[in-house]
Every structure is written in C-alpha cells, then in structure tokens.
PDB file of N, CA and C in Angstrom:
ATOM      1  N   MET A   1     -58.296  37.325-115.937  1.00  0.00           N
ATOM      2  CA  MET A   1     -57.011  36.857-116.466  1.00  0.00           C
ATOM      3  C   MET A   1     -57.879  36.146-117.761  1.00  0.00           C
ATOM      4  N   ASN A   2     -58.420  34.777-117.339  1.00  0.00           N
ATOM      5  CA  ASN A   2     -59.013  33.741-117.741  1.00  0.00           C
ATOM      6  C   ASN A   2     -59.245  33.919-119.111  1.00  0.00           C
ATOM      7  N   ALA A   3     -60.550  34.946-118.767  1.00  0.00           N
ATOM      8  CA  ALA A   3     -61.189  35.538-120.286  1.00  0.00           C
ATOM      9  C   ALA A   3     -60.502  35.906-121.165  1.00  0.00           C
ATOM     10  N   GLN A   4     -59.542  36.878-121.086  1.00  0.00           N
ATOM     11  CA  GLN A   4     -58.333  37.361-121.633  1.00  0.00           C
ATOM     12  C   GLN A   4     -57.649  36.127-122.531  1.00  0.00           C
ATOM     13  N   ARG A   5     -57.461  35.180-121.457  1.00  0.00           N
ATOM     14  CA  ARG A   5     -56.653  33.871-122.325  1.00  0.00           C
ATOM     15  C   ARG A   5     -57.219  33.257-123.293  1.00  0.00           C
ATOM     16  N   ALA A   6     -58.984  32.935-122.929  1.00  0.00           N
ATOM     17  CA  ALA A   6     -59.495  32.312-123.940  1.00  0.00           C
ATOM     18  C   ALA A   6     -59.836  33.292-125.080  1.00  0.00           C
ATOM     19  N   ALA A   7     -60.186  34.679-125.049  1.00  0.00           N
ATOM     20  CA  ALA A   7     -60.297  35.420-126.013  1.00  0.00           C
ATOM     21  C   ALA A   7     -58.800  35.282-127.397  1.00  0.00           C
ATOM     22  N   SER A   8     -57.859  35.157-126.360  1.00  0.00           N
ATOM     23  CA  SER A   8     -56.632  35.144-127.295  1.00  0.00           C
ATOM     24  C   SER A   8     -56.441  33.725-127.872  1.00  0.00           C
ATOM     25  N   ARG A   9     -57.104  32.640-127.578  1.00  0.00           N
ATOM     26  CA  ARG A   9     -57.166  31.561-128.061  1.00  0.00           C
ATOM     27  C   ARG A   9     -57.309  31.375-129.368  1.00  0.00           C
ATOM     28  N   ASP A  10     -58.601  31.959-130.071  1.00  0.00           N
ATOM     29  CA  ASP A  10     -59.071  31.762-131.645  1.00  0.00           C
ATOM     30  C   ASP A  10     -57.856  32.084-132.183  1.00  0.00           C
ATOM     31  N   PRO A  11     -56.982  33.217-132.048  1.00  0.00           N
ATOM     32  CA  PRO A  11     -56.315  33.693-133.106  1.00  0.00           C
ATOM     33  C   PRO A  11     -55.111  32.907-133.288  1.00  0.00           C
ATOM     34  N   VAL A  12     -54.757  32.016-132.190  1.00  0.00           N
ATOM     35  CA  VAL A  12     -53.366  30.990-131.982  1.00  0.00           C
ATOM     36  C   VAL A  12     -53.972  30.028-132.574  1.00  0.00           C
ATOM     37  N   GLU A  13     -55.104  29.713-132.473  1.00  0.00           N
ATOM     38  CA  GLU A  13     -55.852  28.124-133.065  1.00  0.00           C
ATOM     39  C   GLU A  13     -55.711  28.637-134.570  1.00  0.00           C
ATOM     40  N   ARG A  14     -56.122  29.668-135.190  1.00  0.00           N
ATOM     41  CA  ARG A  14     -56.155  29.691-136.516  1.00  0.00           C
ATOM     42  C   ARG A  14     -54.709  29.851-137.042  1.00  0.00           C
ATOM     43  N   ALA A  15     -53.836  30.412-136.132  1.00  0.00           N
ATOM     44  CA  ALA A  15     -52.006  30.642-136.760  1.00  0.00           C
ATOM     45  C   ALA A  15     -51.639  29.033-137.101  1.00  0.00           C
ATOM     46  N   PHE A  16     -51.822  28.201-136.119  1.00  0.00           N
ATOM     47  CA  PHE A  16     -51.472  26.758-136.283  1.00  0.00           C
ATOM     48  C   PHE A  16     -52.350  26.004-136.912  1.00  0.00           C
ATOM     49  N   ALA A  17     -53.380  26.214-137.094  1.00  0.00           N
ATOM     50  CA  ALA A  17     -54.035  25.114-137.709  1.00  0.00           C
ATOM     51  C   ALA A  17     -54.009  24.488-139.050  1.00  0.00           C
ATOM     52  N   GLY A  18     -53.167  24.754-139.512  1.00  0.00           N
ATOM     53  CA  GLY A  18     -52.818  24.124-140.881  1.00  0.00           C
ATOM     54  C   GLY A  18     -51.354  23.752-140.948  1.00  0.00           C
ATOM     55  N   TRP A  19     -50.604  23.684-139.681  1.00  0.00           N
ATOM     56  CA  TRP A  19     -49.695  22.859-139.370  1.00  0.00           C
ATOM     57  C   TRP A  19     -49.942  21.667-139.050  1.00  0.00           C
ATOM     58  N   GLY A  20     -49.129  20.335-139.408  1.00  0.00           N
ATOM     59  CA  GLY A  20     -48.737  19.493-138.437  1.00  0.00           C
ATOM     60  C   GLY A  20     -47.877  19.232-137.478  1.00  0.00           C
ATOM     61  N   ALA A  21     -47.792  18.699-136.838  1.00  0.00           N
ATOM     62  CA  ALA A  21     -47.117  18.502-135.090  1.00  0.00           C
ATOM     63  C   ALA A  21     -45.448  18.586-135.752  1.00  0.00           C
ATOM     64  N   ASP A  22     -44.978  17.774-136.617  1.00  0.00           N
ATOM     65  CA  ASP A  22     -43.731  17.404-136.682  1.00  0.00           C
ATOM     66  C   ASP A  22     -42.889  18.970-137.544  1.00  0.00           C
ATOM     67  N   ASP A  23     -44.044  19.280-138.470  1.00  0.00           N
ATOM     68  CA  ASP A  23     -43.440  20.329-139.226  1.00  0.00           C
ATOM     69  C   ASP A  23     -43.534  21.483-138.261  1.00  0.00           C
ATOM     70  N   LEU A  24     -44.212  21.881-137.631  1.00  0.00           N
ATOM     71  CA  LEU A  24     -44.331  23.137-136.731  1.00  0.00           C
ATOM     72  C   LEU A  24     -43.064  23.125-135.821  1.00  0.00           C
ATOM     73  N   LEU A  25     -42.697  21.744-134.982  1.00  0.00           N
ATOM     74  CA  LEU A  25     -41.696  21.365-134.335  1.00  0.00           C
ATOM     75  C   LEU A  25     -40.448  21.837-135.011  1.00  0.00           C
ATOM     76  N   GLU A  26     -40.128  21.494-136.015  1.00  0.00           N
ATOM     77  CA  GLU A  26     -39.153  21.717-137.015  1.00  0.00           C
ATOM     78  C   GLU A  26     -39.143  23.064-137.427  1.00  0.00           C
ATOM     79  N   ARG A  27     -40.212  23.602-137.905  1.00  0.00           N
ATOM     80  CA  ARG A  27     -39.807  25.336-137.629  1.00  0.00           C
ATOM     81  C   ARG A  27     -39.298  26.079-136.873  1.00  0.00           C
ATOM     82  N   LEU A  28     -40.166  25.721-135.598  1.00  0.00           N
ATOM     83  CA  LEU A  28     -40.367  26.532-134.237  1.00  0.00           C
ATOM     84  C   LEU A  28     -38.478  26.253-134.023  1.00  0.00           C
ATOM     85  N   HIS A  29     -38.095  25.103-134.284  1.00  0.00           N
ATOM     86  CA  HIS A  29     -36.323  24.628-133.669  1.00  0.00           C
ATOM     87  C   HIS A  29     -35.578  25.517-134.726  1.00  0.00           C
ATOM     88  N   GLU A  30     -36.004  25.750-135.775  1.00  0.00           N
ATOM     89  CA  GLU A  30     -35.325  26.393-136.720  1.00  0.00           C
ATOM     90  C   GLU A  30     -35.034  27.818-136.698  1.00  0.00           C
ATOM     91  N   MET A  31     -36.530  28.535-135.991  1.00  0.00           N
ATOM     92  CA  MET A  31     -36.218  29.945-135.317  1.00  0.00           C
ATOM     93  C   MET A  31     -35.665  29.620-133.845  1.00  0.00           C
ATOM     94  N   GLY A  32     -34.964  28.735-133.593  1.00  0.00           N
ATOM     95  CA  GLY A  32     -34.377  28.878-132.096  1.00  0.00           C
ATOM     96  C   GLY A  32     -35.839  29.100-130.949  1.00  0.00           C
ATOM     97  N   ILE A  33     -36.951  28.584-131.145  1.00  0.00           N
ATOM     98  CA  ILE A  33     -37.779  28.619-130.239  1.00  0.00           C
ATOM     99  C   ILE A  33     -37.740  27.089-129.734  1.00  0.00           C
ATOM    100  N   PRO A  34     -37.262  27.133-127.950  1.00  0.00           N
ATOM    101  CA  PRO A  34     -37.566  25.732-127.669  1.00  0.00           C
ATOM    102  C   PRO A  34     -38.890  25.340-127.755  1.00  0.00           C
ATOM    103  N   ALA A  35     -39.118  24.044-128.268  1.00  0.00           N
ATOM    104  CA  ALA A  35     -40.441  23.462-128.144  1.00  0.00           C
ATOM    105  C   ALA A  35     -40.331  21.860-128.488  1.00  0.00           C
ATOM    106  N   GLY A  36     -41.173  21.284-127.499  1.00  0.00           N
ATOM    107  CA  GLY A  36     -41.240  19.709-127.719  1.00  0.00           C
ATOM    108  C   GLY A  36     -42.613  19.107-127.592  1.00  0.00           C
ATOM    109  N   ARG A  37     -42.641  18.153-128.404  1.00  0.00           N
ATOM    110  CA  ARG A  37     -43.825  17.427-128.439  1.00  0.00           C
ATOM    111  C   ARG A  37     -44.708  17.035-126.880  1.00  0.00           C
ATOM    112  N   VAL A  38     -46.061  17.005-126.881  1.00  0.00           N
ATOM    113  CA  VAL A  38     -46.823  16.820-125.770  1.00  0.00           C
ATOM    114  C   VAL A  38     -47.065  15.199-125.793  1.00  0.00           C
ATOM    115  N   ARG A  39     -46.394  14.383-125.414  1.00  0.00           N
ATOM    116  CA  ARG A  39     -46.399  13.030-125.391  1.00  0.00           C
ATOM    117  C   ARG A  39     -47.876  12.605-124.497  1.00  0.00           C
ATOM    118  N   THR A  40     -48.453  11.543-125.053  1.00  0.00           N
ATOM    119  CA  THR A  40     -49.350  10.882-124.399  1.00  0.00           C
ATOM    120  C   THR A  40     -49.182   9.985-123.280  1.00  0.00           C
ATOM    121  N   LEU A  41     -49.755   9.753-122.436  1.00  0.00           N
ATOM    122  CA  LEU A  41     -49.504   8.696-121.293  1.00  0.00           C
ATOM    123  C   LEU A  41     -48.805   7.221-121.414  1.00  0.00           C
ATOM    124  N   ASP A  42     -49.425   6.825-122.555  1.00  0.00           N
ATOM    125  CA  ASP A  42     -48.514   5.541-122.996  1.00  0.00           C
ATOM    126  C   ASP A  42     -47.217   5.993-123.664  1.00  0.00           C
ATOM    127  N   GLU A  43     -46.812   7.111-124.105  1.00  0.00           N
ATOM    128  CA  GLU A  43     -45.881   7.149-124.953  1.00  0.00           C
ATOM    129  C   GLU A  43     -44.987   7.702-123.738  1.00  0.00           C
ATOM    130  N   VAL A  44     -45.160   8.356-122.608  1.00  0.00           N
ATOM    131  CA  VAL A  44     -44.463   8.797-121.478  1.00  0.00           C
ATOM    132  C   VAL A  44     -44.055   7.467-120.951  1.00  0.00           C
ATOM    133  N   CYS A  45     -44.894   6.602-120.633  1.00  0.00           N
ATOM    134  CA  CYS A  45     -44.437   4.826-119.963  1.00  0.00           C
ATOM    135  C   CYS A  45     -43.518   4.385-120.744  1.00  0.00           C
ATOM    136  N   THR A  46     -43.442   4.738-122.033  1.00  0.00           N
ATOM    137  CA  THR A  46     -42.507   3.736-122.844  1.00  0.00           C
ATOM    138  C   THR A  46     -41.512   4.383-123.320  1.00  0.00           C
ATOM    139  N   TRP A  47     -41.388   5.507-123.153  1.00  0.00           N
ATOM    140  CA  TRP A  47     -40.184   6.506-123.401  1.00  0.00           C
ATOM    141  C   TRP A  47     -39.007   6.309-122.984  1.00  0.00           C
ATOM    142  N   GLU A  48     -38.092   6.001-123.392  1.00  0.00           N
ATOM    143  CA  GLU A  48     -36.642   5.430-123.358  1.00  0.00           C
ATOM    144  C   GLU A  48     -36.180   6.150-122.137  1.00  0.00           C
ATOM    145  N   GLN A  49     -36.228   7.741-122.139  1.00  0.00           N
ATOM    146  CA  GLN A  49     -35.834   8.413-120.962  1.00  0.00           C
ATOM    147  C   GLN A  49     -36.831   8.376-119.392  1.00  0.00           C
ATOM    148  N   THR A  50     -37.943   8.386-119.683  1.00  0.00           N
ATOM    149  CA  THR A  50     -38.500   7.637-118.413  1.00  0.00           C
ATOM    150  C   THR A  50     -37.956   6.517-117.610  1.00  0.00           C
ATOM    151  N   LEU A  51     -37.996   5.432-118.664  1.00  0.00           N
ATOM    152  CA  LEU A  51     -37.529   4.341-118.191  1.00  0.00           C
ATOM    153  C   LEU A  51     -36.201   4.000-117.808  1.00  0.00           C
ATOM    154  N   SER A  52     -34.970   4.783-118.348  1.00  0.00           N
ATOM    155  CA  SER A  52     -34.043   5.059-117.791  1.00  0.00           C
ATOM    156  C   SER A  52     -33.374   5.890-116.855  1.00  0.00           C
ATOM    157  N   GLN A  53     -34.426   6.352-116.479  1.00  0.00           N
ATOM    158  CA  GLN A  53     -34.514   7.156-115.065  1.00  0.00           C
ATOM    159  C   GLN A  53     -34.929   6.920-114.019  1.00  0.00           C
ATOM    160  N   GLY A  54     -35.939   5.516-114.041  1.00  0.00           N
ATOM    161  CA  GLY A  54     -36.148   5.103-112.656  1.00  0.00           C
ATOM    162  C   GLY A  54     -37.635   5.475-112.532  1.00  0.00           C
ATOM    163  N   ALA A  55     -38.271   6.190-113.396  1.00  0.00           N
ATOM    164  CA  ALA A  55     -39.458   6.813-113.050  1.00  0.00           C
ATOM    165  C   ALA A  55     -40.628   6.382-113.094  1.00  0.00           C
ATOM    166  N   LEU A  56     -40.532   5.122-113.175  1.00  0.00           N
ATOM    167  CA  LEU A  56     -41.426   3.913-112.912  1.00  0.00           C
ATOM    168  C   LEU A  56     -40.812   3.044-112.117  1.00  0.00           C
ATOM    169  N   ILE A  57     -42.262   2.650-111.295  1.00  0.00           N
ATOM    170  CA  ILE A  57     -41.676   1.147-110.223  1.00  0.00           C
ATOM    171  C   ILE A  57     -42.869   0.454-110.340  1.00  0.00           C
ATOM    172  N   ASP A  58     -42.577  -0.818-109.836  1.00  0.00           N
ATOM    173  CA  ASP A  58     -43.713  -2.270-109.784  1.00  0.00           C
ATOM    174  C   ASP A  58     -44.216  -2.175-108.831  1.00  0.00           C
ATOM    175  N   VAL A  59     -45.204  -2.069-108.289  1.00  0.00           N
ATOM    176  CA  VAL A  59     -45.779  -2.909-106.991  1.00  0.00           C
ATOM    177  C   VAL A  59     -46.770  -3.906-107.378  1.00  0.00           C
ATOM    178  N   THR A  60     -46.858  -4.681-106.169  1.00  0.00           N
ATOM    179  CA  THR A  60     -47.547  -6.324-106.279  1.00  0.00           C
ATOM    180  C   THR A  60     -49.286  -6.214-105.477  1.00  0.00           C
ATOM    181  N   HIS A  61     -50.094  -5.934-106.080  1.00  0.00           N
ATOM    182  CA  HIS A  61     -51.093  -5.817-105.608  1.00  0.00           C
ATOM    183  C   HIS A  61     -52.002  -7.108-105.118  1.00  0.00           C
ATOM    184  N   GLU A  62     -52.892  -6.952-104.019  1.00  0.00           N
ATOM    185  CA  GLU A  62     -53.334  -8.136-103.665  1.00  0.00           C
ATOM    186  C   GLU A  62     -54.314  -8.790-104.740  1.00  0.00           C
ATOM    187  N   THR A  63     -54.943  -8.428-105.054  1.00  0.00           N
ATOM    188  CA  THR A  63     -56.000  -8.826-106.371  1.00  0.00           C
ATOM    189  C   THR A  63     -55.715  -8.631-107.822  1.00  0.00           C
ATOM    190  N   LEU A  64     -54.938  -7.280-108.194  1.00  0.00           N
ATOM    191  CA  LEU A  64     -54.682  -7.129-109.527  1.00  0.00           C
ATOM    192  C   LEU A  64     -52.835  -7.576-109.836  1.00  0.00           C
ATOM    193  N   GLY A  65     -52.426  -8.120-108.750  1.00  0.00           N
ATOM    194  CA  GLY A  65     -51.129  -8.751-109.319  1.00  0.00           C
ATOM    195  C   GLY A  65     -49.989  -7.446-109.697  1.00  0.00           C
ATOM    196  N   THR A  66     -48.954  -7.702-110.355  1.00  0.00           N
ATOM    197  CA  THR A  66     -48.277  -6.208-110.510  1.00  0.00           C
ATOM    198  C   THR A  66     -48.778  -5.290-111.189  1.00  0.00           C
ATOM    199  N   LEU A  67     -48.695  -3.960-110.685  1.00  0.00           N
ATOM    200  CA  LEU A  67     -48.957  -2.651-111.175  1.00  0.00           C
ATOM    201  C   LEU A  67     -48.174  -1.540-111.153  1.00  0.00           C
ATOM    202  N   THR A  68     -47.758  -1.203-112.708  1.00  0.00           N
ATOM    203  CA  THR A  68     -46.589  -0.110-112.847  1.00  0.00           C
ATOM    204  C   THR A  68     -47.071   1.078-112.444  1.00  0.00           C
ATOM    205  N   LEU A  69     -46.632   1.754-111.415  1.00  0.00           N
ATOM    206  CA  LEU A  69     -46.805   3.238-110.997  1.00  0.00           C
ATOM    207  C   LEU A  69     -45.906   4.673-111.029  1.00  0.00           C
ATOM    208  N   PRO A  70     -46.069   5.560-110.887  1.00  0.00           N
ATOM    209  CA  PRO A  70     -45.180   6.712-111.116  1.00  0.00           C
ATOM    210  C   PRO A  70     -43.837   6.295-110.109  1.00  0.00           C
ATOM    211  N   GLY A  71     -43.045   6.623-110.039  1.00  0.00           N
ATOM    212  CA  GLY A  71     -41.788   6.472-108.769  1.00  0.00           C
ATOM    213  C   GLY A  71     -41.591   7.566-108.173  1.00  0.00           C
ATOM    214  N   PRO A  72     -40.459   7.772-107.330  1.00  0.00           N
ATOM    215  CA  PRO A  72     -40.324   8.922-106.647  1.00  0.00           C
ATOM    216  C   PRO A  72     -40.277  10.110-107.359  1.00  0.00           C
ATOM    217  N   PRO A  73     -41.021  11.476-107.099  1.00  0.00           N
ATOM    218  CA  PRO A  73     -40.522  12.834-108.448  1.00  0.00           C
ATOM    219  C   PRO A  73     -39.054  12.962-108.057  1.00  0.00           C
ATOM    220  N   LEU A  74     -38.535  12.923-106.806  1.00  0.00           N
ATOM    221  CA  LEU A  74     -36.839  13.034-106.864  1.00  0.00           C
ATOM    222  C   LEU A  74     -36.170  12.031-106.469  1.00  0.00           C
ATOM    223  N   ARG A  75     -35.053  11.670-106.738  1.00  0.00           N
ATOM    224  CA  ARG A  75     -34.024  10.670-106.149  1.00  0.00           C
ATOM    225  C   ARG A  75     -32.983  11.665-105.907  1.00  0.00           C
ATOM    226  N   CYS A  76     -32.807  10.754-104.755  1.00  0.00           N
ATOM    227  CA  CYS A  76     -31.368  11.636-104.219  1.00  0.00           C
ATOM    228  C   CYS A  76     -29.913  10.385-104.652  1.00  0.00           C
ATOM    229  N   PHE A  77     -28.716  10.986-104.391  1.00  0.00           N
ATOM    230  CA  PHE A  77     -27.737  10.201-104.562  1.00  0.00           C
ATOM    231  C   PHE A  77     -26.635  10.832-103.490  1.00  0.00           C
ATOM    232  N   GLU A  78     -25.555  10.096-103.326  1.00  0.00           N
ATOM    233  CA  GLU A  78     -24.815  10.542-102.303  1.00  0.00           C
ATOM    234  C   GLU A  78     -23.979  10.888-103.677  1.00  0.00           C
ATOM    235  N   PRO A  79     -22.373  11.733-102.807  1.00  0.00           N
ATOM    236  CA  PRO A  79     -21.492  11.874-103.591  1.00  0.00           C
ATOM    237  C   PRO A  79     -20.906  10.531-104.336  1.00  0.00           C
ATOM    238  N   SER A  80     -20.732   9.254-103.793  1.00  0.00           N
ATOM    239  CA  SER A  80     -20.003   8.021-104.780  1.00  0.00           C
ATOM    240  C   SER A  80     -21.200   7.600-106.022  1.00  0.00           C
ATOM    241  N   ARG A  81     -22.185   8.457-105.756  1.00  0.00           N
ATOM    242  CA  ARG A  81     -23.298   8.180-107.039  1.00  0.00           C
ATOM    243  C   ARG A  81     -24.301   6.848-106.466  1.00  0.00           C
ATOM    244  N   GLN A  82     -24.007   6.682-105.164  1.00  0.00           N
ATOM    245  CA  GLN A  82     -24.874   5.404-104.789  1.00  0.00           C
ATOM    246  C   GLN A  82     -26.685   6.400-104.512  1.00  0.00           C
ATOM    247  N   GLU A  83     -27.380   5.476-105.061  1.00  0.00           N
ATOM    248  CA  GLU A  83     -28.620   6.189-104.858  1.00  0.00           C
ATOM    249  C   GLU A  83     -29.254   5.755-103.076  1.00  0.00           C
ATOM    250  N   ARG A  84     -29.954   7.347-102.635  1.00  0.00           N
ATOM    251  CA  ARG A  84     -30.582   6.826-101.120  1.00  0.00           C
ATOM    252  C   ARG A  84     -31.554   7.501-101.581  1.00  0.00           C
ATOM    253  N   THR A  85     -32.452   7.248-102.221  1.00  0.00           N
ATOM    254  CA  THR A  85     -33.666   7.501-102.598  1.00  0.00           C
ATOM    255  C   THR A  85     -34.693   6.790-101.917  1.00  0.00           C
ATOM    256  N   TRP A  86     -35.587   7.074-101.230  1.00  0.00           N
ATOM    257  CA  TRP A  86     -36.508   6.337 -99.927  1.00  0.00           C
ATOM    258  C   TRP A  86     -37.687   6.024-100.926  1.00  0.00           C
ATOM    259  N   ILE A  87     -38.110   4.612-101.116  1.00  0.00           N
ATOM    260  CA  ILE A  87     -38.796   4.333-101.973  1.00  0.00           C
ATOM    261  C   ILE A  87     -39.995   3.264-101.529  1.00  0.00           C
ATOM    262  N   ARG A  88     -40.821   4.023-100.903  1.00  0.00           N
ATOM    263  CA  ARG A  88     -42.007   3.394-100.057  1.00  0.00           C
ATOM    264  C   ARG A  88     -43.449   3.162-100.842  1.00  0.00           C
ATOM    265  N   HIS A  89     -43.686   2.917-102.115  1.00  0.00           N
ATOM    266  CA  HIS A  89     -44.563   2.671-102.940  1.00  0.00           C
ATOM    267  C   HIS A  89     -45.291   1.775-102.553  1.00  0.00           C
ATOM    268  N   ARG A  90     -46.813   1.687-101.916  1.00  0.00           N
ATOM    269  CA  ARG A  90     -47.495   0.720-101.850  1.00  0.00           C
ATOM    270  C   ARG A  90     -49.024   0.818-103.225  1.00  0.00           C
ATOM    271  N   PRO A  91     -49.217  -0.343-103.095  1.00  0.00           N
ATOM    272  CA  PRO A  91     -50.408  -0.355-103.961  1.00  0.00           C
ATOM    273  C   PRO A  91     -51.845   0.201-103.336  1.00  0.00           C
ATOM    274  N   PRO A  92     -52.661   0.590-104.498  1.00  0.00           N
ATOM    275  CA  PRO A  92     -53.690   1.235-104.361  1.00  0.00           C
ATOM    276  C   PRO A  92     -54.399   0.266-103.860  1.00  0.00           C
ATOM    277  N   PRO A  93     -55.197   0.625-102.361  1.00  0.00           N
ATOM    278  CA  PRO A  93     -56.163  -0.278-101.498  1.00  0.00           C
ATOM    279  C   PRO A  93     -57.423  -0.884-102.083  1.00  0.00           C
ATOM    280  N   ILE A  94     -57.791  -2.469-102.190  1.00  0.00           N
ATOM    281  CA  ILE A  94     -58.888  -2.752-102.377  1.00  0.00           C
ATOM    282  C   ILE A  94     -59.977  -1.744-101.643  1.00  0.00           C
ATOM    283  N   LEU A  95     -61.104  -2.505-102.286  1.00  0.00           N
ATOM    284  CA  LEU A  95     -62.035  -1.680-101.922  1.00  0.00           C
ATOM    285  C   LEU A  95     -62.748  -1.752-100.492  1.00  0.00           C
ATOM    286  N   ASP A  96     -62.939  -0.658 -99.984  1.00  0.00           N
ATOM    287  CA  ASP A  96     -63.288  -0.619 -98.568  1.00  0.00           C
ATOM    288  C   ASP A  96     -62.171  -1.219 -97.499  1.00  0.00           C
ATOM    289  N   GLN A  97     -60.710  -1.107 -97.833  1.00  0.00           N
ATOM    290  CA  GLN A  97     -60.059  -1.783 -96.937  1.00  0.00           C
ATOM    291  C   GLN A  97     -59.647  -0.892 -95.992  1.00  0.00           C
ATOM    292  N   TYR A  98     -59.682   0.572 -96.198  1.00  0.00           N
ATOM    293  CA  TYR A  98     -59.717   1.440 -94.961  1.00  0.00           C
ATOM    294  C   TYR A  98     -60.915   2.199 -94.457  1.00  0.00           C
ATOM    295  N   ARG A  99     -62.023   1.218 -94.974  1.00  0.00           N
ATOM    296  CA  ARG A  99     -63.384   2.026 -94.404  1.00  0.00           C
ATOM    297  C   ARG A  99     -63.220   2.571 -92.554  1.00  0.00           C
ATOM    298  N   GLU A 100     -62.998   1.172 -91.954  1.00  0.00           N
ATOM    299  CA  GLU A 100     -63.330   1.197 -90.556  1.00  0.00           C
ATOM    300  C   GLU A 100     -62.651   2.316 -90.054  1.00  0.00           C
ATOM    301  N   PRO A 101     -60.998   2.281 -90.215  1.00  0.00           N
ATOM    302  CA  PRO A 101     -60.441   3.416 -89.625  1.00  0.00           C
ATOM    303  C   PRO A 101     -60.594   4.958 -90.177  1.00  0.00           C
ATOM    304  N   ALA A 102     -61.121   4.613 -91.262  1.00  0.00           N
ATOM    305  CA  ALA A 102     -61.735   6.382 -92.180  1.00  0.00           C
ATOM    306  C   ALA A 102     -62.409   6.692 -91.209  1.00  0.00           C
ATOM    307  N   LEU A 103     -63.498   5.652 -91.167  1.00  0.00           N
ATOM    308  CA  LEU A 103     -65.077   6.328 -90.072  1.00  0.00           C
ATOM    309  C   LEU A 103     -64.857   6.736 -88.660  1.00  0.00           C
ATOM    310  N   ARG A 104     -64.010   6.065 -88.261  1.00  0.00           N
ATOM    311  CA  ARG A 104     -63.353   6.137 -86.851  1.00  0.00           C
ATOM    312  C   ARG A 104     -62.526   7.490 -86.418  1.00  0.00           C
ATOM    313  N   TRP A 105     -61.878   7.898 -87.703  1.00  0.00           N
ATOM    314  CA  TRP A 105     -61.248   9.197 -87.972  1.00  0.00           C
ATOM    315  C   TRP A 105     -61.707  10.568 -87.977  1.00  0.00           C
ATOM    316  N   VAL A 106     -63.218  10.190 -88.723  1.00  0.00           N
ATOM    317  CA  VAL A 106     -63.951  11.402 -89.219  1.00  0.00           C
ATOM    318  C   VAL A 106     -65.173  11.297 -87.963  1.00  0.00           C
ATOM    319  N   GLY A 107     -65.207  10.474 -87.137  1.00  0.00           N
ATOM    320  CA  GLY A 107     -66.130  10.171 -85.850  1.00  0.00           C
ATOM    321  C   GLY A 107     -67.351   9.872 -86.208  1.00  0.00           C
ATOM    322  N   ALA A 108     -67.443   9.427 -87.293  1.00  0.00           N
ATOM    323  CA  ALA A 108     -69.104   8.501 -88.099  1.00  0.00           C
ATOM    324  C   ALA A 108     -68.802   7.003 -87.657  1.00  0.00           C
ATOM    325  N   GLU A 109     -69.828   6.285 -87.589  1.00  0.00           N
ATOM    326  CA  GLU A 109     -70.241   4.932 -87.406  1.00  0.00           C
ATOM    327  C   GLU A 109     -70.359   3.966 -88.700  1.00  0.00           C
ATOM    328  N   ALA A 110     -69.805   3.075 -88.459  1.00  0.00           N
ATOM    329  CA  ALA A 110     -69.618   1.997 -89.626  1.00  0.00           C
ATOM    330  C   ALA A 110     -71.258   0.910 -89.699  1.00  0.00           C
ATOM    331  N   SER A 111     -71.501   0.899 -90.561  1.00  0.00           N
ATOM    332  CA  SER A 111     -72.587   0.707 -91.302  1.00  0.00           C
ATOM    333  C   SER A 111     -72.560  -0.882 -91.238  1.00  0.00           C
TER     334      SER A 111
END
C-alpha cells in the first residue's frame, strides 16, 4: 500500500507545484472542496481558536519556571455549562527525578 502511495505522490506534487498556498486554497474553496492550511506549531499556539478553547495550560517547572503545555484533549461540561474537566498536568521531570523508582520497577540496581 505504501509503495502505491509513494508512486502516486510524484504526479500529485507536479500538479500542485505551480500553486501558492493561498491561491490553491481559494481555488479548492471555489470548487466546494473542504480544505485548510496546515499550521506550524507556532501558529497553532498563537491561533485565536486554540487560545479561546483553553487548549493550552501553564504549569510551573522546578527549574524552568512557567511552561505552556497542551491542555486536555477532551473537555467536559455539565448541562449548566459549568466545566468539569479534570486537569492534572504536571511539568516534565527534571533529569533523574524518577530514576530510583524506575530502576526498582524494572528490577535493576541503581548505580
């Protein structure tokens, strides 16, 4: 299956090679074909929809200070519209923070 997909890629790339992203999106929309821009990570993190939906949360890291991380993939609301999403994000561990318990868990000795 992947070989077929790879073989089909060249004609598709040639077909779209002369198009700029904005022009191509406009043409696809004119034809009634749903399409959207693939955003960079920086664009996603500053995009109004990402911010308005609470898709990012801040956590405090012991040595790095405040870090912004992806929020919960699902959010839960009561019929009253009060949010009941369980958010228990923690910052990434510092180097070797969980070394001892991890080694014990796999039955290895700490050095």
